[in-house]
Amino acid sequence: EEPLCTGPVEAPPFDRAALIAALRADQAGETEFPEFV
């Protein structure tokens, strides 16, 4: 699919709470797959 970034970029730090929030929003049907990614 369309890349989220191109060229050199800094990788964001791992944020478990933000990941779980993204998972729960997706599981609740609040986001589509592109927003989840």
PDB file of all heavy atoms in Angstrom:
ATOM      1  N   GLU A   1       0.856  -1.185   0.000  1.00  0.00           N
ATOM      2  CA  GLU A   1       0.000   0.000   0.000  1.00  0.00           C
ATOM      3  C   GLU A   1       0.894   1.237   0.000  1.00  0.00           C
ATOM      4  O   GLU A   1       2.116   1.123  -0.045  1.00  0.00           O
ATOM      5  CB  GLU A   1      -0.927  -0.020   1.226  1.00  0.00           C
ATOM      6  CG  GLU A   1      -1.870  -1.208   1.283  1.00  0.00           C
ATOM      7  CD  GLU A   1      -2.905  -1.259   0.178  1.00  0.00           C
ATOM      8  OE1 GLU A   1      -3.179  -0.216  -0.459  1.00  0.00           O
ATOM      9  OE2 GLU A   1      -3.451  -2.345  -0.066  1.00  0.00           O
ATOM     10  N   GLU A   2       0.299   2.403   0.079  1.00  0.00           N
ATOM     11  CA  GLU A   2       1.058   3.663   0.098  1.00  0.00           C
ATOM     12  C   GLU A   2       1.930   3.713   1.354  1.00  0.00           C
ATOM     13  O   GLU A   2       1.421   3.573   2.468  1.00  0.00           O
ATOM     14  CB  GLU A   2       0.078   4.842   0.101  1.00  0.00           C
ATOM     15  CG  GLU A   2       0.728   6.189  -0.030  1.00  0.00           C
ATOM     16  CD  GLU A   2       1.324   6.447  -1.403  1.00  0.00           C
ATOM     17  OE1 GLU A   2       0.803   5.891  -2.392  1.00  0.00           O
ATOM     18  OE2 GLU A   2       2.298   7.199  -1.467  1.00  0.00           O
ATOM     19  N   PRO A   3       3.255   3.890   1.198  1.00  0.00           N
ATOM     20  CA  PRO A   3       4.123   3.967   2.376  1.00  0.00           C
ATOM     21  C   PRO A   3       3.742   5.122   3.294  1.00  0.00           C
ATOM     22  O   PRO A   3       3.262   6.166   2.838  1.00  0.00           O
ATOM     23  CB  PRO A   3       5.517   4.199   1.790  1.00  0.00           C
ATOM     24  CG  PRO A   3       5.418   3.763   0.365  1.00  0.00           C
ATOM     25  CD  PRO A   3       3.995   4.009  -0.049  1.00  0.00           C
ATOM     26  N   LEU A   4       3.967   4.928   4.586  1.00  0.00           N
ATOM     27  CA  LEU A   4       3.673   5.988   5.558  1.00  0.00           C
ATOM     28  C   LEU A   4       4.749   7.058   5.556  1.00  0.00           C
ATOM     29  O   LEU A   4       4.503   8.189   5.978  1.00  0.00           O
ATOM     30  CB  LEU A   4       3.540   5.391   6.964  1.00  0.00           C
ATOM     31  CG  LEU A   4       2.460   4.336   7.146  1.00  0.00           C
ATOM     32  CD1 LEU A   4       2.396   3.898   8.597  1.00  0.00           C
ATOM     33  CD2 LEU A   4       1.111   4.832   6.671  1.00  0.00           C
ATOM     34  N   CYS A   5       5.939   6.701   5.126  1.00  0.00           N
ATOM     35  CA  CYS A   5       7.022   7.672   5.053  1.00  0.00           C
ATOM     36  C   CYS A   5       7.971   7.255   3.939  1.00  0.00           C
ATOM     37  O   CYS A   5       7.979   6.101   3.522  1.00  0.00           O
ATOM     38  CB  CYS A   5       7.753   7.778   6.392  1.00  0.00           C
ATOM     39  SG  CYS A   5       8.432   6.219   6.982  1.00  0.00           S
ATOM     40  N   THR A   6       8.738   8.222   3.459  1.00  0.00           N
ATOM     41  CA  THR A   6       9.771   7.940   2.464  1.00  0.00           C
ATOM     42  C   THR A   6      11.026   8.687   2.887  1.00  0.00           C
ATOM     43  O   THR A   6      10.961   9.692   3.602  1.00  0.00           O
ATOM     44  CB  THR A   6       9.343   8.379   1.051  1.00  0.00           C
ATOM     45  OG1 THR A   6       9.040   9.771   1.074  1.00  0.00           O
ATOM     46  CG2 THR A   6       8.140   7.603   0.563  1.00  0.00           C
ATOM     47  N   GLY A   7      12.147   8.192   2.453  1.00  0.00           N
ATOM     48  CA  GLY A   7      13.415   8.814   2.828  1.00  0.00           C
ATOM     49  C   GLY A   7      13.713   8.573   4.294  1.00  0.00           C
ATOM     50  O   GLY A   7      12.978   7.888   4.995  1.00  0.00           O
ATOM     51  N   PRO A   8      14.817   9.142   4.766  1.00  0.00           N
ATOM     52  CA  PRO A   8      15.194   8.947   6.167  1.00  0.00           C
ATOM     53  C   PRO A   8      14.244   9.674   7.116  1.00  0.00           C
ATOM     54  O   PRO A   8      13.934  10.846   6.920  1.00  0.00           O
ATOM     55  CB  PRO A   8      16.602   9.545   6.265  1.00  0.00           C
ATOM     56  CG  PRO A   8      17.049   9.775   4.863  1.00  0.00           C
ATOM     57  CD  PRO A   8      15.840   9.863   4.011  1.00  0.00           C
ATOM     58  N   VAL A   9      13.756   8.955   8.099  1.00  0.00           N
ATOM     59  CA  VAL A   9      12.929   9.541   9.165  1.00  0.00           C
ATOM     60  C   VAL A   9      13.309   8.860  10.471  1.00  0.00           C
ATOM     61  O   VAL A   9      13.782   7.728  10.470  1.00  0.00           O
ATOM     62  CB  VAL A   9      11.410   9.381   8.915  1.00  0.00           C
ATOM     63  CG1 VAL A   9      10.963  10.101   7.654  1.00  0.00           C
ATOM     64  CG2 VAL A   9      11.016   7.924   8.846  1.00  0.00           C
ATOM     65  N   GLU A  10      13.110   9.543  11.554  1.00  0.00           N
ATOM     66  CA  GLU A  10      13.344   8.930  12.856  1.00  0.00           C
ATOM     67  C   GLU A  10      12.162   8.043  13.212  1.00  0.00           C
ATOM     68  O   GLU A  10      11.013   8.433  13.027  1.00  0.00           O
ATOM     69  CB  GLU A  10      13.531  10.002  13.928  1.00  0.00           C
ATOM     70  CG  GLU A  10      14.822  10.773  13.780  1.00  0.00           C
ATOM     71  CD  GLU A  10      15.055  11.740  14.917  1.00  0.00           C
ATOM     72  OE1 GLU A  10      14.451  11.578  16.001  1.00  0.00           O
ATOM     73  OE2 GLU A  10      15.845  12.669  14.705  1.00  0.00           O
ATOM     74  N   ALA A  11      12.466   6.874  13.728  1.00  0.00           N
ATOM     75  CA  ALA A  11      11.408   5.978  14.184  1.00  0.00           C
ATOM     76  C   ALA A  11      10.874   6.493  15.508  1.00  0.00           C
ATOM     77  O   ALA A  11      11.650   6.818  16.406  1.00  0.00           O
ATOM     78  CB  ALA A  11      11.952   4.564  14.348  1.00  0.00           C
ATOM     79  N   PRO A  12       9.555   6.582  15.642  1.00  0.00           N
ATOM     80  CA  PRO A  12       8.994   7.009  16.923  1.00  0.00           C
ATOM     81  C   PRO A  12       9.341   6.006  18.024  1.00  0.00           C
ATOM     82  O   PRO A  12       9.483   4.806  17.750  1.00  0.00           O
ATOM     83  CB  PRO A  12       7.481   7.022  16.677  1.00  0.00           C
ATOM     84  CG  PRO A  12       7.299   6.949  15.203  1.00  0.00           C
ATOM     85  CD  PRO A  12       8.519   6.299  14.647  1.00  0.00           C
ATOM     86  N   PRO A  13       9.459   6.464  19.260  1.00  0.00           N
ATOM     87  CA  PRO A  13       9.705   5.522  20.356  1.00  0.00           C
ATOM     88  C   PRO A  13       8.478   4.639  20.587  1.00  0.00           C
ATOM     89  O   PRO A  13       7.345   5.058  20.354  1.00  0.00           O
ATOM     90  CB  PRO A  13       9.968   6.430  21.559  1.00  0.00           C
ATOM     91  CG  PRO A  13       9.350   7.731  21.208  1.00  0.00           C
ATOM     92  CD  PRO A  13       9.379   7.850  19.711  1.00  0.00           C
ATOM     93  N   PHE A  14       8.727   3.407  21.032  1.00  0.00           N
ATOM     94  CA  PHE A  14       7.643   2.471  21.305  1.00  0.00           C
ATOM     95  C   PHE A  14       6.816   2.984  22.481  1.00  0.00           C
ATOM     96  O   PHE A  14       7.348   3.305  23.534  1.00  0.00           O
ATOM     97  CB  PHE A  14       8.219   1.093  21.635  1.00  0.00           C
ATOM     98  CG  PHE A  14       7.189   0.002  21.699  1.00  0.00           C
ATOM     99  CD1 PHE A  14       6.707  -0.589  20.552  1.00  0.00           C
ATOM    100  CD2 PHE A  14       6.711  -0.439  22.918  1.00  0.00           C
ATOM    101  CE1 PHE A  14       5.765  -1.606  20.607  1.00  0.00           C
ATOM    102  CE2 PHE A  14       5.760  -1.449  22.990  1.00  0.00           C
ATOM    103  CZ  PHE A  14       5.293  -2.035  21.827  1.00  0.00           C
ATOM    104  N   ASP A  15       5.517   3.080  22.264  1.00  0.00           N
ATOM    105  CA  ASP A  15       4.593   3.592  23.282  1.00  0.00           C
ATOM    106  C   ASP A  15       3.469   2.567  23.440  1.00  0.00           C
ATOM    107  O   ASP A  15       2.501   2.563  22.676  1.00  0.00           O
ATOM    108  CB  ASP A  15       4.049   4.955  22.851  1.00  0.00           C
ATOM    109  CG  ASP A  15       3.129   5.603  23.858  1.00  0.00           C
ATOM    110  OD1 ASP A  15       2.571   4.908  24.742  1.00  0.00           O
ATOM    111  OD2 ASP A  15       2.938   6.829  23.749  1.00  0.00           O
ATOM    112  N   ARG A  16       3.626   1.692  24.419  1.00  0.00           N
ATOM    113  CA  ARG A  16       2.672   0.596  24.635  1.00  0.00           C
ATOM    114  C   ARG A  16       1.252   1.116  24.839  1.00  0.00           C
ATOM    115  O   ARG A  16       0.295   0.565  24.284  1.00  0.00           O
ATOM    116  CB  ARG A  16       3.129  -0.241  25.834  1.00  0.00           C
ATOM    117  CG  ARG A  16       2.298  -1.464  26.098  1.00  0.00           C
ATOM    118  CD  ARG A  16       2.913  -2.282  27.260  1.00  0.00           C
ATOM    119  NE  ARG A  16       2.281  -3.541  27.426  1.00  0.00           N
ATOM    120  CZ  ARG A  16       1.294  -3.775  28.290  1.00  0.00           C
ATOM    121  NH1 ARG A  16       0.844  -2.824  29.066  1.00  0.00           N
ATOM    122  NH2 ARG A  16       0.758  -4.983  28.377  1.00  0.00           N
ATOM    123  N   ALA A  17       1.086   2.174  25.627  1.00  0.00           N
ATOM    124  CA  ALA A  17      -0.253   2.712  25.895  1.00  0.00           C
ATOM    125  C   ALA A  17      -0.896   3.232  24.615  1.00  0.00           C
ATOM    126  O   ALA A  17      -2.090   3.012  24.374  1.00  0.00           O
ATOM    127  CB  ALA A  17      -0.179   3.810  26.957  1.00  0.00           C
ATOM    128  N   ALA A  18      -0.119   3.893  23.764  1.00  0.00           N
ATOM    129  CA  ALA A  18      -0.663   4.403  22.497  1.00  0.00           C
ATOM    130  C   ALA A  18      -1.023   3.251  21.562  1.00  0.00           C
ATOM    131  O   ALA A  18      -2.036   3.317  20.850  1.00  0.00           O
ATOM    132  CB  ALA A  18       0.337   5.347  21.834  1.00  0.00           C
ATOM    133  N   LEU A  19      -0.215   2.200  21.575  1.00  0.00           N
ATOM    134  CA  LEU A  19      -0.530   1.023  20.760  1.00  0.00           C
ATOM    135  C   LEU A  19      -1.829   0.391  21.225  1.00  0.00           C
ATOM    136  O   LEU A  19      -2.715   0.082  20.405  1.00  0.00           O
ATOM    137  CB  LEU A  19       0.607   0.001  20.828  1.00  0.00           C
ATOM    138  CG  LEU A  19       0.302  -1.368  20.212  1.00  0.00           C
ATOM    139  CD1 LEU A  19      -0.064  -1.253  18.742  1.00  0.00           C
ATOM    140  CD2 LEU A  19       1.479  -2.309  20.430  1.00  0.00           C
ATOM    141  N   ILE A  20      -1.973   0.202  22.517  1.00  0.00           N
ATOM    142  CA  ILE A  20      -3.200  -0.410  23.044  1.00  0.00           C
ATOM    143  C   ILE A  20      -4.408   0.462  22.724  1.00  0.00           C
ATOM    144  O   ILE A  20      -5.474  -0.046  22.361  1.00  0.00           O
ATOM    145  CB  ILE A  20      -3.057  -0.702  24.550  1.00  0.00           C
ATOM    146  CG1 ILE A  20      -2.024  -1.826  24.742  1.00  0.00           C
ATOM    147  CG2 ILE A  20      -4.397  -1.073  25.176  1.00  0.00           C
ATOM    148  CD1 ILE A  20      -1.618  -2.074  26.172  1.00  0.00           C
ATOM    149  N   ALA A  21      -4.246   1.783  22.785  1.00  0.00           N
ATOM    150  CA  ALA A  21      -5.352   2.687  22.420  1.00  0.00           C
ATOM    151  C   ALA A  21      -5.723   2.512  20.946  1.00  0.00           C
ATOM    152  O   ALA A  21      -6.916   2.474  20.595  1.00  0.00           O
ATOM    153  CB  ALA A  21      -4.969   4.133  22.719  1.00  0.00           C
ATOM    154  N   ALA A  22      -4.725   2.384  20.071  1.00  0.00           N
ATOM    155  CA  ALA A  22      -5.004   2.161  18.644  1.00  0.00           C
ATOM    156  C   ALA A  22      -5.693   0.819  18.431  1.00  0.00           C
ATOM    157  O   ALA A  22      -6.629   0.715  17.624  1.00  0.00           O
ATOM    158  CB  ALA A  22      -3.702   2.232  17.848  1.00  0.00           C
ATOM    159  N   LEU A  23      -5.258  -0.201  19.160  1.00  0.00           N
ATOM    160  CA  LEU A  23      -5.892  -1.520  19.064  1.00  0.00           C
ATOM    161  C   LEU A  23      -7.352  -1.468  19.512  1.00  0.00           C
ATOM    162  O   LEU A  23      -8.235  -1.999  18.833  1.00  0.00           O
ATOM    163  CB  LEU A  23      -5.137  -2.540  19.927  1.00  0.00           C
ATOM    164  CG  LEU A  23      -3.812  -3.033  19.374  1.00  0.00           C
ATOM    165  CD1 LEU A  23      -2.996  -3.717  20.464  1.00  0.00           C
ATOM    166  CD2 LEU A  23      -4.050  -3.980  18.214  1.00  0.00           C
ATOM    167  N   ARG A  24      -7.596  -0.840  20.646  1.00  0.00           N
ATOM    168  CA  ARG A  24      -8.969  -0.791  21.181  1.00  0.00           C
ATOM    169  C   ARG A  24      -9.888   0.020  20.271  1.00  0.00           C
ATOM    170  O   ARG A  24     -11.056  -0.353  20.079  1.00  0.00           O
ATOM    171  CB  ARG A  24      -8.982  -0.231  22.602  1.00  0.00           C
ATOM    172  CG  ARG A  24      -8.217  -1.065  23.621  1.00  0.00           C
ATOM    173  CD  ARG A  24      -8.715  -2.505  23.732  1.00  0.00           C
ATOM    174  NE  ARG A  24      -7.845  -3.266  24.609  1.00  0.00           N
ATOM    175  CZ  ARG A  24      -6.888  -4.091  24.195  1.00  0.00           C
ATOM    176  NH1 ARG A  24      -6.696  -4.313  22.913  1.00  0.00           N
ATOM    177  NH2 ARG A  24      -6.127  -4.737  25.069  1.00  0.00           N
ATOM    178  N   ALA A  25      -9.384   1.104  19.697  1.00  0.00           N
ATOM    179  CA  ALA A  25     -10.203   1.891  18.764  1.00  0.00           C
ATOM    180  C   ALA A  25     -10.558   1.051  17.542  1.00  0.00           C
ATOM    181  O   ALA A  25     -11.703   1.064  17.080  1.00  0.00           O
ATOM    182  CB  ALA A  25      -9.461   3.162  18.357  1.00  0.00           C
ATOM    183  N   ASP A  26      -9.593   0.294  17.033  1.00  0.00           N
ATOM    184  CA  ASP A  26      -9.854  -0.569  15.884  1.00  0.00           C
ATOM    185  C   ASP A  26     -10.836  -1.670  16.243  1.00  0.00           C
ATOM    186  O   ASP A  26     -11.779  -1.947  15.496  1.00  0.00           O
ATOM    187  CB  ASP A  26      -8.537  -1.164  15.369  1.00  0.00           C
ATOM    188  CG  ASP A  26      -8.744  -1.928  14.086  1.00  0.00           C
ATOM    189  OD1 ASP A  26      -9.095  -1.286  13.077  1.00  0.00           O
ATOM    190  OD2 ASP A  26      -8.581  -3.162  14.091  1.00  0.00           O
ATOM    191  N   GLN A  27     -10.640  -2.292  17.392  1.00  0.00           N
ATOM    192  CA  GLN A  27     -11.525  -3.368  17.830  1.00  0.00           C
ATOM    193  C   GLN A  27     -12.955  -2.878  18.044  1.00  0.00           C
ATOM    194  O   GLN A  27     -13.905  -3.636  17.873  1.00  0.00           O
ATOM    195  CB  GLN A  27     -10.974  -4.007  19.108  1.00  0.00           C
ATOM    196  CG  GLN A  27      -9.693  -4.776  18.878  1.00  0.00           C
ATOM    197  CD  GLN A  27      -8.929  -5.086  20.147  1.00  0.00           C
ATOM    198  OE1 GLN A  27      -9.230  -4.573  21.226  1.00  0.00           O
ATOM    199  NE2 GLN A  27      -7.913  -5.925  20.029  1.00  0.00           N
ATOM    200  N   ALA A  28     -13.097  -1.611  18.412  1.00  0.00           N
ATOM    201  CA  ALA A  28     -14.429  -1.033  18.631  1.00  0.00           C
ATOM    202  C   ALA A  28     -15.074  -0.549  17.331  1.00  0.00           C
ATOM    203  O   ALA A  28     -16.198  -0.048  17.354  1.00  0.00           O
ATOM    204  CB  ALA A  28     -14.328   0.126  19.623  1.00  0.00           C
ATOM    205  N   GLY A  29     -14.367  -0.708  16.215  1.00  0.00           N
ATOM    206  CA  GLY A  29     -14.910  -0.273  14.928  1.00  0.00           C
ATOM    207  C   GLY A  29     -14.810   1.220  14.711  1.00  0.00           C
ATOM    208  O   GLY A  29     -15.460   1.758  13.820  1.00  0.00           O
ATOM    209  N   GLU A  30     -13.982   1.895  15.495  1.00  0.00           N
ATOM    210  CA  GLU A  30     -13.853   3.351  15.398  1.00  0.00           C
ATOM    211  C   GLU A  30     -12.865   3.787  14.324  1.00  0.00           C
ATOM    212  O   GLU A  30     -12.827   4.978  13.975  1.00  0.00           O
ATOM    213  CB  GLU A  30     -13.424   3.925  16.753  1.00  0.00           C
ATOM    214  CG  GLU A  30     -14.446   3.678  17.845  1.00  0.00           C
ATOM    215  CD  GLU A  30     -13.921   3.975  19.235  1.00  0.00           C
ATOM    216  OE1 GLU A  30     -12.748   4.373  19.375  1.00  0.00           O
ATOM    217  OE2 GLU A  30     -14.692   3.783  20.188  1.00  0.00           O
ATOM    218  N   THR A  31     -12.050   2.867  13.814  1.00  0.00           N
ATOM    219  CA  THR A  31     -11.083   3.198  12.775  1.00  0.00           C
ATOM    220  C   THR A  31     -11.141   2.154  11.676  1.00  0.00           C
ATOM    221  O   THR A  31     -11.586   1.027  11.883  1.00  0.00           O
ATOM    222  CB  THR A  31      -9.638   3.245  13.336  1.00  0.00           C
ATOM    223  OG1 THR A  31      -9.313   1.969  13.890  1.00  0.00           O
ATOM    224  CG2 THR A  31      -9.473   4.325  14.393  1.00  0.00           C
ATOM    225  N   GLU A  32     -10.665   2.541  10.517  1.00  0.00           N
ATOM    226  CA  GLU A  32     -10.476   1.617   9.404  1.00  0.00           C
ATOM    227  C   GLU A  32      -9.008   1.188   9.417  1.00  0.00           C
ATOM    228  O   GLU A  32      -8.178   1.775  10.119  1.00  0.00           O
ATOM    229  CB  GLU A  32     -10.828   2.304   8.083  1.00  0.00           C
ATOM    230  CG  GLU A  32     -12.282   2.763   7.992  1.00  0.00           C
ATOM    231  CD  GLU A  32     -13.263   1.606   7.931  1.00  0.00           C
ATOM    232  OE1 GLU A  32     -12.922   0.551   7.345  1.00  0.00           O
ATOM    233  OE2 GLU A  32     -14.376   1.745   8.471  1.00  0.00           O
ATOM    234  N   PHE A  33      -8.655   0.208   8.610  1.00  0.00           N
ATOM    235  CA  PHE A  33      -7.302  -0.334   8.628  1.00  0.00           C
ATOM    236  C   PHE A  33      -6.220   0.724   8.404  1.00  0.00           C
ATOM    237  O   PHE A  33      -5.218   0.721   9.136  1.00  0.00           O
ATOM    238  CB  PHE A  33      -7.171  -1.484   7.631  1.00  0.00           C
ATOM    239  CG  PHE A  33      -5.856  -2.185   7.710  1.00  0.00           C
ATOM    240  CD1 PHE A  33      -5.504  -2.914   8.836  1.00  0.00           C
ATOM    241  CD2 PHE A  33      -4.957  -2.109   6.661  1.00  0.00           C
ATOM    242  CE1 PHE A  33      -4.271  -3.557   8.923  1.00  0.00           C
ATOM    243  CE2 PHE A  33      -3.731  -2.753   6.740  1.00  0.00           C
ATOM    244  CZ  PHE A  33      -3.391  -3.474   7.866  1.00  0.00           C
ATOM    245  N   PRO A  34      -6.358   1.646   7.435  1.00  0.00           N
ATOM    246  CA  PRO A  34      -5.293   2.649   7.269  1.00  0.00           C
ATOM    247  C   PRO A  34      -5.047   3.487   8.529  1.00  0.00           C
ATOM    248  O   PRO A  34      -3.896   3.794   8.856  1.00  0.00           O
ATOM    249  CB  PRO A  34      -5.791   3.524   6.116  1.00  0.00           C
ATOM    250  CG  PRO A  34      -6.714   2.639   5.348  1.00  0.00           C
ATOM    251  CD  PRO A  34      -7.382   1.764   6.389  1.00  0.00           C
ATOM    252  N   GLU A  35      -6.106   3.830   9.246  1.00  0.00           N
ATOM    253  CA  GLU A  35      -5.937   4.589  10.491  1.00  0.00           C
ATOM    254  C   GLU A  35      -5.276   3.727  11.566  1.00  0.00           C
ATOM    255  O   GLU A  35      -4.476   4.228  12.362  1.00  0.00           O
ATOM    256  CB  GLU A  35      -7.279   5.119  11.001  1.00  0.00           C
ATOM    257  CG  GLU A  35      -7.891   6.209  10.150  1.00  0.00           C
ATOM    258  CD  GLU A  35      -8.725   5.686   8.996  1.00  0.00           C
ATOM    259  OE1 GLU A  35      -9.098   4.495   8.988  1.00  0.00           O
ATOM    260  OE2 GLU A  35      -8.988   6.476   8.066  1.00  0.00           O
ATOM    261  N   PHE A  36      -5.593   2.452  11.591  1.00  0.00           N
ATOM    262  CA  PHE A  36      -4.955   1.549  12.543  1.00  0.00           C
ATOM    263  C   PHE A  36      -3.451   1.468  12.286  1.00  0.00           C
ATOM    264  O   PHE A  36      -2.645   1.555  13.217  1.00  0.00           O
ATOM    265  CB  PHE A  36      -5.579   0.153  12.470  1.00  0.00           C
ATOM    266  CG  PHE A  36      -4.819  -0.871  13.256  1.00  0.00           C
ATOM    267  CD1 PHE A  36      -4.807  -0.830  14.640  1.00  0.00           C
ATOM    268  CD2 PHE A  36      -4.098  -1.863  12.612  1.00  0.00           C
ATOM    269  CE1 PHE A  36      -4.083  -1.769  15.381  1.00  0.00           C
ATOM    270  CE2 PHE A  36      -3.376  -2.799  13.336  1.00  0.00           C
ATOM    271  CZ  PHE A  36      -3.367  -2.745  14.732  1.00  0.00           C
ATOM    272  N   VAL A  37      -3.069   1.324  11.021  1.00  0.00           N
ATOM    273  CA  VAL A  37      -1.644   1.248  10.684  1.00  0.00           C
ATOM    274  C   VAL A  37      -0.949   2.549  11.076  1.00  0.00           C
ATOM    275  O   VAL A  37       0.147   2.530  11.642  1.00  0.00           O
ATOM    276  CB  VAL A  37      -1.448   0.927   9.188  1.00  0.00           C
ATOM    277  CG1 VAL A  37       0.032   0.990   8.795  1.00  0.00           C
ATOM    278  CG2 VAL A  37      -2.016  -0.450   8.862  1.00  0.00           C
TER     279      VAL A  37
END
